[in-house]
Amino acid sequence: MSPFSKKPHSLLRRPLGALFQLVYPESCVYCGTGLSINESILCSRCEFHLPLTGFHMQADNPVEMLFWGRTELVSATSLLYFQKGEMVQQLIHKLKYHQRSYIGVYLGYLLGQQLKESPRFNRIRKIIPVPLHPKKIKLRGYNQSAMIALGVARAMEVDTDFSSLFRKDHSQTQTKKSRYERWENVSKIFELAPSYNTLENCHILLVDDVITTGATIEACVNKLNDIHEIRVSVASLACPAL
């Protein structure tokens, strides 16, 4: 069940209350159909047609294989397949560029429900979003990966950590860069805050919106792996369709 299956009045009294103080959509954010009392964000038809990958139950899935020989991970997955012009791309575009932060929380919750059921992910103790630089947050209004992380954390009933890993440089956009250019663009832009010692001996989940070449995730994981006895898994909302 989605955290949005009830109307927001009850949600406002819960820990994520401030997040839901927004104009709550009365129609499906994808197809525009009016929502029934038991529907929120997406109508039942659109939610049913989300292109789920099922990778959370598959060892050596394509997302994990993307990082083979590049960095050390426990496990990795993506919730959905991403295709240009299709539903997932449009939802993520609205999340990132049209102030629809609730889409990230909603889809993050669906992702967290999957992970909670998987023996490969259900021992996660903290959720960390891929950081944005403060300049980008100011421009966008929020970090879309943080919105996803809130939904995941709520479904899995674990804590978030938004401070231990941060982006120290405001890098150029990754759009239209080659795989090597993407890696070069982000390879040294992440740093650990003094609070990182709370992550020692901990299995954490790094969350992002879309994994394409994996360059940003690789840079984050490499930095996190400097922490004593840390174990890192990765989850994103989407990855390119096979």
Protein backbone atom coordinates (compact mmCIF):
# COMPACT_ATOMS: atom_id res chain seq x y z
CA MET A 1 0.00 0.00 0.00
CA SER A 2 1.22 3.47 -0.89
CA PRO A 3 1.69 6.09 1.83
CA PHE A 4 -0.67 8.21 -0.27
CA SER A 5 -3.58 5.76 -0.25
CA LYS A 6 -5.13 7.98 2.43
CA LYS A 7 -5.77 11.66 1.88
CA PRO A 8 -3.13 13.95 3.33
CA HIS A 9 -4.94 15.15 6.46
CA SER A 10 -3.84 12.08 8.45
CA LEU A 11 -0.39 12.16 6.86
CA LEU A 12 0.22 15.67 8.17
CA ARG A 13 0.32 14.34 11.72
CA ARG A 14 3.06 11.82 10.90
CA PRO A 15 6.87 12.30 10.90
CA LEU A 16 6.95 13.34 7.24
CA GLY A 17 4.15 15.83 7.84
CA ALA A 18 6.01 18.90 6.63
CA LEU A 19 6.73 17.18 3.34
CA PHE A 20 3.03 16.80 2.58
CA GLN A 21 2.13 20.42 3.16
CA LEU A 22 1.70 20.94 -0.56
CA VAL A 23 -1.01 21.18 -3.17
CA TYR A 24 -2.20 17.59 -3.20
CA PRO A 25 -3.00 16.31 -6.70
CA GLU A 26 -6.62 15.28 -7.27
CA SER A 27 -5.85 13.70 -10.63
CA CYS A 28 -3.26 11.16 -11.80
CA VAL A 29 0.04 12.97 -12.42
CA TYR A 30 0.60 10.94 -15.56
CA CYS A 31 -2.72 10.44 -17.38
CA GLY A 32 -4.81 13.14 -15.69
CA THR A 33 -7.64 10.80 -14.68
CA GLY A 34 -9.47 11.86 -11.53
CA LEU A 35 -8.32 9.92 -8.47
CA SER A 36 -10.67 7.87 -6.32
CA ILE A 37 -10.62 7.97 -2.52
CA ASN A 38 -8.15 5.05 -2.42
CA GLU A 39 -5.81 6.44 -5.09
CA SER A 40 -3.10 9.06 -4.84
CA ILE A 41 -0.44 10.44 -7.19
CA LEU A 42 -1.00 7.72 -9.83
CA CYS A 43 -4.31 6.10 -10.70
CA SER A 44 -4.53 2.33 -10.29
CA ARG A 45 -4.27 1.77 -14.04
CA CYS A 46 -1.03 3.77 -14.37
CA GLU A 47 0.47 2.18 -11.26
CA PHE A 48 -0.39 -1.26 -12.66
CA HIS A 49 1.48 -0.41 -15.87
CA LEU A 50 4.68 0.79 -14.20
CA PRO A 51 7.51 -1.19 -15.90
CA LEU A 52 8.94 -2.97 -12.86
CA THR A 53 12.34 -4.65 -13.25
CA GLY A 54 12.14 -7.23 -10.45
CA PHE A 55 15.90 -6.80 -9.93
CA HIS A 56 15.59 -6.60 -6.14
CA MET A 57 15.27 -10.39 -6.06
CA GLN A 58 17.97 -11.11 -8.66
CA ALA A 59 21.65 -11.50 -7.85
CA ASP A 60 23.98 -10.39 -10.67
CA ASN A 61 21.22 -8.36 -12.27
CA PRO A 62 22.10 -5.79 -14.97
CA VAL A 63 22.42 -2.93 -12.47
CA GLU A 64 24.92 -4.89 -10.36
CA MET A 65 26.80 -5.96 -13.46
CA LEU A 66 27.22 -2.30 -14.41
CA PHE A 67 29.53 -1.85 -11.39
CA TRP A 68 31.56 -5.03 -11.73
CA GLY A 69 35.27 -4.19 -11.64
CA ARG A 70 34.53 -0.53 -10.82
CA THR A 71 33.60 -0.39 -7.13
CA GLU A 72 32.64 -2.64 -4.22
CA LEU A 73 28.92 -3.11 -3.62
CA VAL A 74 26.81 -5.56 -1.64
CA SER A 75 23.85 -5.37 -4.01
CA ALA A 76 22.15 -3.02 -6.46
CA THR A 77 18.76 -2.62 -8.08
CA SER A 78 16.41 -0.27 -9.92
CA LEU A 79 12.65 -0.21 -9.49
CA LEU A 80 11.64 0.65 -13.05
CA TYR A 81 12.77 0.53 -16.65
CA PHE A 82 13.38 3.92 -18.24
CA GLN A 83 12.54 4.61 -21.89
CA LYS A 84 12.67 7.96 -23.66
CA GLY A 85 9.24 9.52 -23.97
CA GLU A 86 7.51 6.88 -21.86
CA MET A 87 5.80 7.12 -18.46
CA VAL A 88 8.86 6.74 -16.22
CA GLN A 89 10.83 9.45 -18.01
CA GLN A 90 7.88 11.83 -17.76
CA LEU A 91 7.37 11.14 -14.05
CA ILE A 92 11.04 11.73 -13.26
CA HIS A 93 11.06 14.89 -15.37
CA LYS A 94 8.12 16.23 -13.36
CA LEU A 95 9.88 15.25 -10.13
CA LYS A 96 13.11 17.05 -11.06
CA TYR A 97 11.93 20.10 -12.97
CA HIS A 98 8.28 20.77 -12.12
CA GLN A 99 8.23 20.91 -8.31
CA ARG A 100 6.46 17.56 -7.95
CA SER A 101 8.49 16.36 -4.97
CA TYR A 102 5.69 14.01 -3.89
CA ILE A 103 6.34 11.86 -6.99
CA GLY A 104 9.76 11.03 -5.55
CA VAL A 105 8.33 10.10 -2.15
CA TYR A 106 5.58 8.02 -3.76
CA LEU A 107 7.87 6.04 -6.07
CA GLY A 108 10.47 5.79 -3.31
CA TYR A 109 7.87 4.15 -1.11
CA LEU A 110 7.10 1.60 -3.83
CA LEU A 111 10.84 0.92 -4.11
CA GLY A 112 11.15 0.56 -0.34
CA GLN A 113 8.30 -1.93 -0.24
CA GLN A 114 10.20 -4.13 -2.69
CA LEU A 115 13.47 -3.83 -0.80
CA LYS A 116 11.84 -4.69 2.51
CA GLU A 117 10.69 -7.99 1.00
CA SER A 118 14.13 -8.88 -0.37
CA PRO A 119 16.69 -10.79 1.72
CA ARG A 120 19.34 -8.93 -0.27
CA PHE A 121 18.25 -5.54 1.09
CA ASN A 122 16.18 -6.04 4.23
CA ARG A 123 19.10 -5.55 6.62
CA ILE A 124 19.72 -1.97 5.51
CA ARG A 125 20.16 0.35 8.50
CA LYS A 126 20.40 3.81 6.91
CA ILE A 127 19.32 5.47 3.66
CA ILE A 128 21.59 8.08 2.01
CA PRO A 129 20.54 10.04 -1.09
CA VAL A 130 23.08 10.98 -3.73
CA PRO A 131 23.85 14.58 -2.71
CA LEU A 132 23.22 17.70 -4.76
CA HIS A 133 25.34 20.81 -4.45
CA PRO A 134 23.61 23.59 -2.43
CA LYS A 135 23.51 25.77 -5.56
CA LYS A 136 21.52 23.10 -7.41
CA ILE A 137 19.19 22.59 -4.44
CA LYS A 138 18.55 26.34 -4.32
CA LEU A 139 17.76 26.35 -8.03
CA ARG A 140 15.54 23.23 -7.95
CA GLY A 141 14.05 23.71 -4.48
CA TYR A 142 14.99 20.26 -3.18
CA ASN A 143 17.15 17.23 -3.89
CA GLN A 144 15.01 14.76 -5.84
CA SER A 145 17.08 11.85 -4.50
CA ALA A 146 16.31 13.00 -0.95
CA MET A 147 12.60 12.83 -1.74
CA ILE A 148 13.05 9.28 -3.01
CA ALA A 149 15.08 8.41 0.09
CA LEU A 150 12.27 9.65 2.35
CA GLY A 151 9.82 7.30 0.67
CA VAL A 152 12.22 4.35 0.80
CA ALA A 153 13.01 4.98 4.46
CA ARG A 154 9.36 5.20 5.37
CA ALA A 155 8.54 1.90 3.69
CA MET A 156 11.55 0.13 5.20
CA GLU A 157 11.18 1.81 8.61
CA VAL A 158 14.83 2.86 8.80
CA ASP A 159 16.60 6.19 9.29
CA THR A 160 17.85 8.60 6.64
CA ASP A 161 21.23 10.33 6.70
CA PHE A 162 21.37 13.55 4.67
CA SER A 163 24.59 14.96 6.14
CA SER A 164 27.44 12.40 6.20
CA LEU A 165 28.03 12.50 2.42
CA PHE A 166 28.04 15.82 0.59
CA ARG A 167 28.91 17.27 -2.80
CA LYS A 168 31.77 19.75 -2.46
CA ASP A 169 31.89 20.96 -6.09
CA HIS A 170 29.15 22.17 -8.38
CA SER A 171 29.86 19.97 -11.41
CA GLN A 172 28.48 20.34 -14.90
CA THR A 173 25.35 18.48 -15.94
CA GLN A 174 25.86 14.86 -16.95
CA THR A 175 23.44 15.09 -19.86
CA LYS A 176 24.98 14.21 -23.25
CA LYS A 177 28.37 13.29 -21.73
CA SER A 178 30.08 10.02 -22.60
CA ARG A 179 30.64 7.36 -19.95
CA TYR A 180 34.25 8.49 -19.40
CA GLU A 181 33.27 12.16 -19.36
CA ARG A 182 30.60 11.44 -16.77
CA TRP A 183 33.10 9.62 -14.55
CA GLU A 184 35.68 12.40 -14.95
CA ASN A 185 33.01 15.01 -14.17
CA VAL A 186 32.11 13.51 -10.77
CA SER A 187 35.05 11.33 -9.72
CA LYS A 188 36.29 13.64 -6.95
CA ILE A 189 33.36 15.88 -6.07
CA PHE A 190 32.00 14.00 -3.03
CA GLU A 191 33.31 14.24 0.52
CA LEU A 192 32.54 12.88 3.98
CA ALA A 193 31.38 15.10 6.85
CA PRO A 194 32.72 14.59 10.40
CA SER A 195 29.49 12.72 11.25
CA TYR A 196 30.50 9.87 8.94
CA ASN A 197 31.64 7.76 11.91
CA THR A 198 27.97 6.98 12.63
CA LEU A 199 28.10 4.84 9.47
CA GLU A 200 30.90 2.56 10.68
CA ASN A 201 29.94 -1.13 10.75
CA CYS A 202 26.70 -0.23 8.99
CA HIS A 203 24.92 -1.51 5.89
CA ILE A 204 23.66 1.60 4.09
CA LEU A 205 21.56 2.12 0.98
CA LEU A 206 22.60 4.81 -1.50
CA VAL A 207 19.59 6.14 -3.43
CA ASP A 208 19.41 7.98 -6.76
CA ASP A 209 16.78 8.77 -9.38
CA VAL A 210 18.25 7.19 -12.54
CA ILE A 211 21.30 5.00 -13.07
CA THR A 212 22.68 5.26 -16.60
CA THR A 213 26.48 4.89 -16.80
CA GLY A 214 26.74 4.63 -13.00
CA ALA A 215 29.49 7.28 -12.79
CA THR A 216 27.88 9.34 -10.03
CA ILE A 217 27.01 6.27 -7.97
CA GLU A 218 30.54 4.93 -8.42
CA ALA A 219 32.05 8.16 -7.11
CA CYS A 220 29.74 8.15 -4.07
CA VAL A 221 30.38 4.50 -3.26
CA ASN A 222 34.14 4.91 -3.57
CA LYS A 223 34.02 7.71 -1.00
CA LEU A 224 31.68 5.81 1.34
CA ASN A 225 33.94 2.76 1.19
CA ASP A 226 36.60 4.80 3.01
CA ILE A 227 34.49 4.30 6.15
CA HIS A 228 35.53 1.45 8.46
CA GLU A 229 33.55 -1.77 7.90
CA ILE A 230 30.82 -0.09 5.89
CA ARG A 231 28.72 -2.09 3.45
CA VAL A 232 27.03 -0.22 0.61
CA SER A 233 24.06 -1.21 -1.50
CA VAL A 234 22.49 0.90 -4.23
CA ALA A 235 18.94 1.48 -5.44
CA SER A 236 17.50 3.85 -8.02
CA LEU A 237 14.04 4.57 -9.30
CA ALA A 238 15.00 3.71 -12.84
CA CYS A 239 17.59 2.34 -15.23
CA PRO A 240 17.59 2.18 -19.04
CA ALA A 241 15.42 -0.53 -20.58
CA LEU A 242 17.38 -3.51 -21.90
